[in-house]
Every structure is written in structure tokens, then in C-alpha cells.
Amino acid sequence: MTLPLDKMTGEEKLQVTEDLWIDLTKNESEYPSPNWHKDVLELREKRAIEGKEEYLDWEAAKKNIRNLSK
């Protein structure tokens, strides 16, 4: 299956991405995290504790992405 990416709006592309992610996470055990992922998460956690990182919740992040794609 090929999507007509050049004809899709940014919002449509984001929706497809979200739909794919939801589908992939239904069977998480089939897609193990890469080995380097744990190191990245630990570093981000450390930086968050030190006040050097800021994060948005998923709904706010999606809203920001949608606004940037307009």
C-alpha cells in the first residue's frame, strides 16, 4: 500500500501517523526497543530531575505539531 503523501495535508499525515502508532502499540512485544533507547530515557530522566528538560503532555504536543504544520 502506498499513501499519496504529496496530496495529503499535514493534518492527514499526522492522523495517519497517530493511527499507525496506535496499531503498532497493540502488539508492543513484537517491536522491542533498541538497546540505546534505555540510555536515552535515563539521560532524559536525569535532565528532567535537574530541571534541564521540559516536556509537554501528548495532547499539547500534538496541538503544537498541528499548529506548526499549517
C-alpha atoms as a PDB file:
ATOM      1  CA  MET A   1       0.000   0.000   0.000  1.00  0.00           C
ATOM      2  CA  THR A   2       1.295   3.430  -0.900  1.00  0.00           C
ATOM      3  CA  LEU A   3      -0.153   6.606   0.537  1.00  0.00           C
ATOM      4  CA  PRO A   4      -0.463   9.708  -1.659  1.00  0.00           C
ATOM      5  CA  LEU A   5       1.763  11.713   0.688  1.00  0.00           C
ATOM      6  CA  ASP A   6       2.236  14.546  -1.793  1.00  0.00           C
ATOM      7  CA  LYS A   7      -1.544  15.037  -1.896  1.00  0.00           C
ATOM      8  CA  MET A   8      -2.193  14.740   1.832  1.00  0.00           C
ATOM      9  CA  THR A   9      -2.498  17.696   4.174  1.00  0.00           C
ATOM     10  CA  GLY A  10      -0.276  17.950   7.214  1.00  0.00           C
ATOM     11  CA  GLU A  11      -3.252  17.118   9.404  1.00  0.00           C
ATOM     12  CA  GLU A  12      -3.999  13.973   7.372  1.00  0.00           C
ATOM     13  CA  LYS A  13      -0.366  12.879   7.641  1.00  0.00           C
ATOM     14  CA  LEU A  14      -0.399  13.377  11.398  1.00  0.00           C
ATOM     15  CA  GLN A  15      -3.619  11.386  11.670  1.00  0.00           C
ATOM     16  CA  VAL A  16      -2.100   8.510   9.691  1.00  0.00           C
ATOM     17  CA  THR A  17       0.981   8.647  11.934  1.00  0.00           C
ATOM     18  CA  GLU A  18      -1.198   8.517  15.028  1.00  0.00           C
ATOM     19  CA  ASP A  19      -3.270   5.648  13.613  1.00  0.00           C
ATOM     20  CA  LEU A  20      -0.092   3.699  12.792  1.00  0.00           C
ATOM     21  CA  TRP A  21       1.293   4.269  16.272  1.00  0.00           C
ATOM     22  CA  ILE A  22      -1.942   3.076  17.904  1.00  0.00           C
ATOM     23  CA  ASP A  23      -1.884  -0.049  15.735  1.00  0.00           C
ATOM     24  CA  LEU A  24       1.808  -0.760  16.429  1.00  0.00           C
ATOM     25  CA  THR A  25       1.333  -0.455  20.187  1.00  0.00           C
ATOM     26  CA  LYS A  26      -1.385  -3.111  20.169  1.00  0.00           C
ATOM     27  CA  ASN A  27       1.412  -5.683  19.838  1.00  0.00           C
ATOM     28  CA  GLU A  28       4.290  -3.976  21.645  1.00  0.00           C
ATOM     29  CA  SER A  29       6.122  -7.225  22.314  1.00  0.00           C
ATOM     30  CA  GLU A  30       6.679  -7.677  18.568  1.00  0.00           C
ATOM     31  CA  TYR A  31       8.683  -4.439  18.439  1.00  0.00           C
ATOM     32  CA  PRO A  32      11.307  -4.402  21.190  1.00  0.00           C
ATOM     33  CA  SER A  33      13.015  -1.104  21.982  1.00  0.00           C
ATOM     34  CA  PRO A  34      16.503  -0.723  20.565  1.00  0.00           C
ATOM     35  CA  ASN A  35      19.338  -1.130  23.055  1.00  0.00           C
ATOM     36  CA  TRP A  36      20.254   2.564  23.016  1.00  0.00           C
ATOM     37  CA  HIS A  37      16.717   3.588  23.992  1.00  0.00           C
ATOM     38  CA  LYS A  38      17.209   2.838  27.705  1.00  0.00           C
ATOM     39  CA  ASP A  39      20.285   5.091  27.796  1.00  0.00           C
ATOM     40  CA  VAL A  40      18.392   7.966  26.180  1.00  0.00           C
ATOM     41  CA  LEU A  41      15.479   7.605  28.594  1.00  0.00           C
ATOM     42  CA  GLU A  42      17.816   7.549  31.600  1.00  0.00           C
ATOM     43  CA  LEU A  43      19.593  10.686  30.373  1.00  0.00           C
ATOM     44  CA  ARG A  44      16.291  12.489  29.827  1.00  0.00           C
ATOM     45  CA  GLU A  45      15.051  11.463  33.259  1.00  0.00           C
ATOM     46  CA  LYS A  46      18.266  12.760  34.843  1.00  0.00           C
ATOM     47  CA  ARG A  47      17.973  16.062  32.964  1.00  0.00           C
ATOM     48  CA  ALA A  48      14.312  16.394  33.982  1.00  0.00           C
ATOM     49  CA  ILE A  49      15.208  15.868  37.647  1.00  0.00           C
ATOM     50  CA  GLU A  50      17.932  18.510  37.297  1.00  0.00           C
ATOM     51  CA  GLY A  51      15.415  20.920  35.741  1.00  0.00           C
ATOM     52  CA  LYS A  52      17.247  20.934  32.405  1.00  0.00           C
ATOM     53  CA  GLU A  53      14.405  19.382  30.369  1.00  0.00           C
ATOM     54  CA  GLU A  54      10.797  20.344  29.862  1.00  0.00           C
ATOM     55  CA  TYR A  55       8.144  18.087  28.396  1.00  0.00           C
ATOM     56  CA  LEU A  56       4.624  18.528  27.115  1.00  0.00           C
ATOM     57  CA  ASP A  57       1.847  16.037  27.587  1.00  0.00           C
ATOM     58  CA  TRP A  58       0.888  14.207  24.405  1.00  0.00           C
ATOM     59  CA  GLU A  59      -2.251  16.261  23.678  1.00  0.00           C
ATOM     60  CA  ALA A  60      -0.339  19.560  23.968  1.00  0.00           C
ATOM     61  CA  ALA A  61       2.494  18.184  21.820  1.00  0.00           C
ATOM     62  CA  LYS A  62       0.062  17.094  19.090  1.00  0.00           C
ATOM     63  CA  LYS A  63      -1.584  20.520  19.161  1.00  0.00           C
ATOM     64  CA  ASN A  64       1.809  22.197  18.746  1.00  0.00           C
ATOM     65  CA  ILE A  65       2.728  19.892  15.860  1.00  0.00           C
ATOM     66  CA  ARG A  66      -0.581  20.551  14.131  1.00  0.00           C
ATOM     67  CA  ASN A  67      -0.117  24.298  14.517  1.00  0.00           C
ATOM     68  CA  LEU A  68       3.388  24.081  13.047  1.00  0.00           C
ATOM     69  CA  SER A  69       2.146  22.116  10.042  1.00  0.00           C
ATOM     70  CA  LYS A  70      -0.439  24.732   8.989  1.00  0.00           C
END
